[in-house]
Amino acid sequence: MGGVMRAAAAGARDGGGTAIGLLPGTDRAEGSAEHAYLVPTGLGELRNGLLVRAADAVVAVGCSWGTLSEVALARRTGVPLVLLDPWDLPEDVGTVVVSPSEALGALERDLSG
């Protein structure tokens, strides 16, 4: 998929990591070439639960309904949460940042502490 998912995969790849895309549909072709592996779940929005529960941390970008569901799931399950350009949410929801580099710094602090 494109947008943030594709950019995150490219960043992981370029940083020496492995990007795994959990796709909502059943067609691998919907994924991007930046992912090393694509898993077509066929779960639609339910895949957000898989994504959050499998993550060491969540970086939520923007204000889509799917992103809001991931924010809620991360918050309820205690997964460290960093928000970039978020919805208007309570202050204690997570760490709000203004740039991708700030998000990386927040993740490093959250995961090392």
C-alpha atoms as a PDB file:
ATOM      1  CA  MET A   1       0.000   0.000   0.000  1.00  0.00           C
ATOM      2  CA  GLY A   2       1.147   3.560  -0.488  1.00  0.00           C
ATOM      3  CA  GLY A   3       1.516   6.635   1.656  1.00  0.00           C
ATOM      4  CA  VAL A   4       2.800   6.245   5.186  1.00  0.00           C
ATOM      5  CA  MET A   5       2.946   2.449   4.984  1.00  0.00           C
ATOM      6  CA  ARG A   6       5.182   2.620   1.922  1.00  0.00           C
ATOM      7  CA  ALA A   7       7.403   5.356   3.378  1.00  0.00           C
ATOM      8  CA  ALA A   8       7.843   3.432   6.640  1.00  0.00           C
ATOM      9  CA  ALA A   9       8.799   0.299   4.715  1.00  0.00           C
ATOM     10  CA  ALA A  10      11.355   2.254   2.665  1.00  0.00           C
ATOM     11  CA  GLY A  11      12.821   3.742   5.840  1.00  0.00           C
ATOM     12  CA  ALA A  12      13.079   0.334   7.497  1.00  0.00           C
ATOM     13  CA  ARG A  13      14.693  -1.156   4.412  1.00  0.00           C
ATOM     14  CA  ASP A  14      17.118   1.748   3.966  1.00  0.00           C
ATOM     15  CA  GLY A  15      18.061   1.514   7.657  1.00  0.00           C
ATOM     16  CA  GLY A  16      18.946  -2.171   7.330  1.00  0.00           C
ATOM     17  CA  GLY A  17      15.663  -3.493   8.730  1.00  0.00           C
ATOM     18  CA  THR A  18      13.032  -5.790   7.331  1.00  0.00           C
ATOM     19  CA  ALA A  19       9.623  -4.379   6.444  1.00  0.00           C
ATOM     20  CA  ILE A  20       6.649  -6.712   6.744  1.00  0.00           C
ATOM     21  CA  GLY A  21       3.335  -5.418   5.410  1.00  0.00           C
ATOM     22  CA  LEU A  22       0.113  -6.739   6.951  1.00  0.00           C
ATOM     23  CA  LEU A  23      -2.381  -6.042   4.194  1.00  0.00           C
ATOM     24  CA  PRO A  24      -6.107  -5.675   4.849  1.00  0.00           C
ATOM     25  CA  GLY A  25      -7.055  -7.454   1.618  1.00  0.00           C
ATOM     26  CA  THR A  26      -6.189 -10.777   0.026  1.00  0.00           C
ATOM     27  CA  ASP A  27      -4.006  -9.565  -2.849  1.00  0.00           C
ATOM     28  CA  ARG A  28      -0.227  -9.265  -2.372  1.00  0.00           C
ATOM     29  CA  ALA A  29      -0.135  -7.000  -5.410  1.00  0.00           C
ATOM     30  CA  GLU A  30      -1.764  -4.288  -3.262  1.00  0.00           C
ATOM     31  CA  GLY A  31       1.467  -4.008  -1.274  1.00  0.00           C
ATOM     32  CA  SER A  32       4.544  -2.017  -2.161  1.00  0.00           C
ATOM     33  CA  ALA A  33       7.928  -3.140  -3.435  1.00  0.00           C
ATOM     34  CA  GLU A  34       9.545  -1.508  -0.388  1.00  0.00           C
ATOM     35  CA  HIS A  35       8.276  -4.345   1.808  1.00  0.00           C
ATOM     36  CA  ALA A  36      10.450  -7.430   2.125  1.00  0.00           C
ATOM     37  CA  TYR A  37       7.385  -9.522   2.943  1.00  0.00           C
ATOM     38  CA  LEU A  38       3.684  -8.973   2.352  1.00  0.00           C
ATOM     39  CA  VAL A  39       1.021 -10.831   4.326  1.00  0.00           C
ATOM     40  CA  PRO A  40      -2.463 -10.499   2.802  1.00  0.00           C
ATOM     41  CA  THR A  41      -4.675 -11.057   5.858  1.00  0.00           C
ATOM     42  CA  GLY A  42      -8.107 -10.698   4.265  1.00  0.00           C
ATOM     43  CA  LEU A  43      -9.220  -9.139   7.567  1.00  0.00           C
ATOM     44  CA  GLY A  44      -9.987  -5.600   6.424  1.00  0.00           C
ATOM     45  CA  GLU A  45      -9.895  -3.185   9.352  1.00  0.00           C
ATOM     46  CA  LEU A  46      -9.528  -6.064  11.808  1.00  0.00           C
ATOM     47  CA  ARG A  47      -5.910  -6.311  10.742  1.00  0.00           C
ATOM     48  CA  ASN A  48      -5.276  -3.171  12.822  1.00  0.00           C
ATOM     49  CA  GLY A  49      -5.532  -5.343  15.932  1.00  0.00           C
ATOM     50  CA  LEU A  50      -2.897  -7.724  14.578  1.00  0.00           C
ATOM     51  CA  LEU A  51      -0.663  -4.834  13.670  1.00  0.00           C
ATOM     52  CA  VAL A  52      -0.830  -3.186  17.098  1.00  0.00           C
ATOM     53  CA  ARG A  53      -0.505  -6.421  19.095  1.00  0.00           C
ATOM     54  CA  ALA A  54       2.535  -7.499  17.052  1.00  0.00           C
ATOM     55  CA  ALA A  55       4.262  -4.106  17.321  1.00  0.00           C
ATOM     56  CA  ASP A  56       6.935  -3.066  19.804  1.00  0.00           C
ATOM     57  CA  ALA A  57       5.653   0.503  19.348  1.00  0.00           C
ATOM     58  CA  VAL A  58       3.158   2.366  17.163  1.00  0.00           C
ATOM     59  CA  VAL A  59       3.745   5.579  15.250  1.00  0.00           C
ATOM     60  CA  ALA A  60       0.358   6.981  14.258  1.00  0.00           C
ATOM     61  CA  VAL A  61       0.419   9.496  11.411  1.00  0.00           C
ATOM     62  CA  GLY A  62      -2.539  11.699  10.566  1.00  0.00           C
ATOM     63  CA  CYS A  63      -6.240  11.561  11.262  1.00  0.00           C
ATOM     64  CA  SER A  64      -7.892   8.680   9.428  1.00  0.00           C
ATOM     65  CA  TRP A  65     -10.444   6.451  11.150  1.00  0.00           C
ATOM     66  CA  GLY A  66      -8.162   3.426  10.781  1.00  0.00           C
ATOM     67  CA  THR A  67      -5.333   5.329  12.444  1.00  0.00           C
ATOM     68  CA  LEU A  68      -7.646   6.327  15.274  1.00  0.00           C
ATOM     69  CA  SER A  69      -8.521   2.664  15.861  1.00  0.00           C
ATOM     70  CA  GLU A  70      -4.796   1.819  16.023  1.00  0.00           C
ATOM     71  CA  VAL A  71      -4.254   4.665  18.508  1.00  0.00           C
ATOM     72  CA  ALA A  72      -7.062   3.325  20.707  1.00  0.00           C
ATOM     73  CA  LEU A  73      -5.762  -0.245  20.544  1.00  0.00           C
ATOM     74  CA  ALA A  74      -2.195   0.827  21.365  1.00  0.00           C
ATOM     75  CA  ARG A  75      -3.431   2.931  24.273  1.00  0.00           C
ATOM     76  CA  ARG A  76      -5.600   0.143  25.702  1.00  0.00           C
ATOM     77  CA  THR A  77      -2.880  -2.508  25.402  1.00  0.00           C
ATOM     78  CA  GLY A  78       0.048  -0.420  26.662  1.00  0.00           C
ATOM     79  CA  VAL A  79       1.991  -0.408  23.394  1.00  0.00           C
ATOM     80  CA  PRO A  80       4.239   2.699  23.297  1.00  0.00           C
ATOM     81  CA  LEU A  81       2.577   5.308  21.098  1.00  0.00           C
ATOM     82  CA  VAL A  82       4.009   8.249  19.168  1.00  0.00           C
ATOM     83  CA  LEU A  83       1.654  10.559  17.246  1.00  0.00           C
ATOM     84  CA  LEU A  84       2.537  12.763  14.273  1.00  0.00           C
ATOM     85  CA  ASP A  85      -0.129  15.240  13.105  1.00  0.00           C
ATOM     86  CA  PRO A  86      -2.766  13.548  15.292  1.00  0.00           C
ATOM     87  CA  TRP A  87      -6.429  13.995  16.041  1.00  0.00           C
ATOM     88  CA  ASP A  88      -7.260  16.340  18.933  1.00  0.00           C
ATOM     89  CA  LEU A  89      -6.815  13.770  21.708  1.00  0.00           C
ATOM     90  CA  PRO A  90      -6.268  13.872  25.477  1.00  0.00           C
ATOM     91  CA  GLU A  91      -2.741  14.925  26.435  1.00  0.00           C
ATOM     92  CA  ASP A  92      -1.892  11.593  28.068  1.00  0.00           C
ATOM     93  CA  VAL A  93      -2.629   9.491  24.965  1.00  0.00           C
ATOM     94  CA  GLY A  94       0.987   9.332  23.812  1.00  0.00           C
ATOM     95  CA  THR A  95       3.970  11.380  22.741  1.00  0.00           C
ATOM     96  CA  VAL A  96       3.027  14.002  20.145  1.00  0.00           C
ATOM     97  CA  VAL A  97       5.808  15.014  17.734  1.00  0.00           C
ATOM     98  CA  VAL A  98       6.059  17.349  14.755  1.00  0.00           C
ATOM     99  CA  SER A  99       8.503  15.489  12.490  1.00  0.00           C
ATOM    100  CA  PRO A 100       9.558  11.965  11.523  1.00  0.00           C
ATOM    101  CA  SER A 101      13.002  12.492  13.079  1.00  0.00           C
ATOM    102  CA  GLU A 102      11.359  13.536  16.344  1.00  0.00           C
ATOM    103  CA  ALA A 103       9.209  10.389  16.151  1.00  0.00           C
ATOM    104  CA  LEU A 104      12.351   8.243  15.889  1.00  0.00           C
ATOM    105  CA  GLY A 105      13.871   9.979  18.906  1.00  0.00           C
ATOM    106  CA  ALA A 106      10.694   9.408  20.922  1.00  0.00           C
ATOM    107  CA  LEU A 107      10.659   5.736  19.920  1.00  0.00           C
ATOM    108  CA  GLU A 108      14.265   5.309  20.981  1.00  0.00           C
ATOM    109  CA  ARG A 109      13.465   6.819  24.393  1.00  0.00           C
ATOM    110  CA  ASP A 110      10.275   4.761  24.831  1.00  0.00           C
ATOM    111  CA  LEU A 111      11.864   1.460  23.835  1.00  0.00           C
ATOM    112  CA  SER A 112      15.104   1.892  25.777  1.00  0.00           C
ATOM    113  CA  GLY A 113      13.466   2.937  29.046  1.00  0.00           C
END
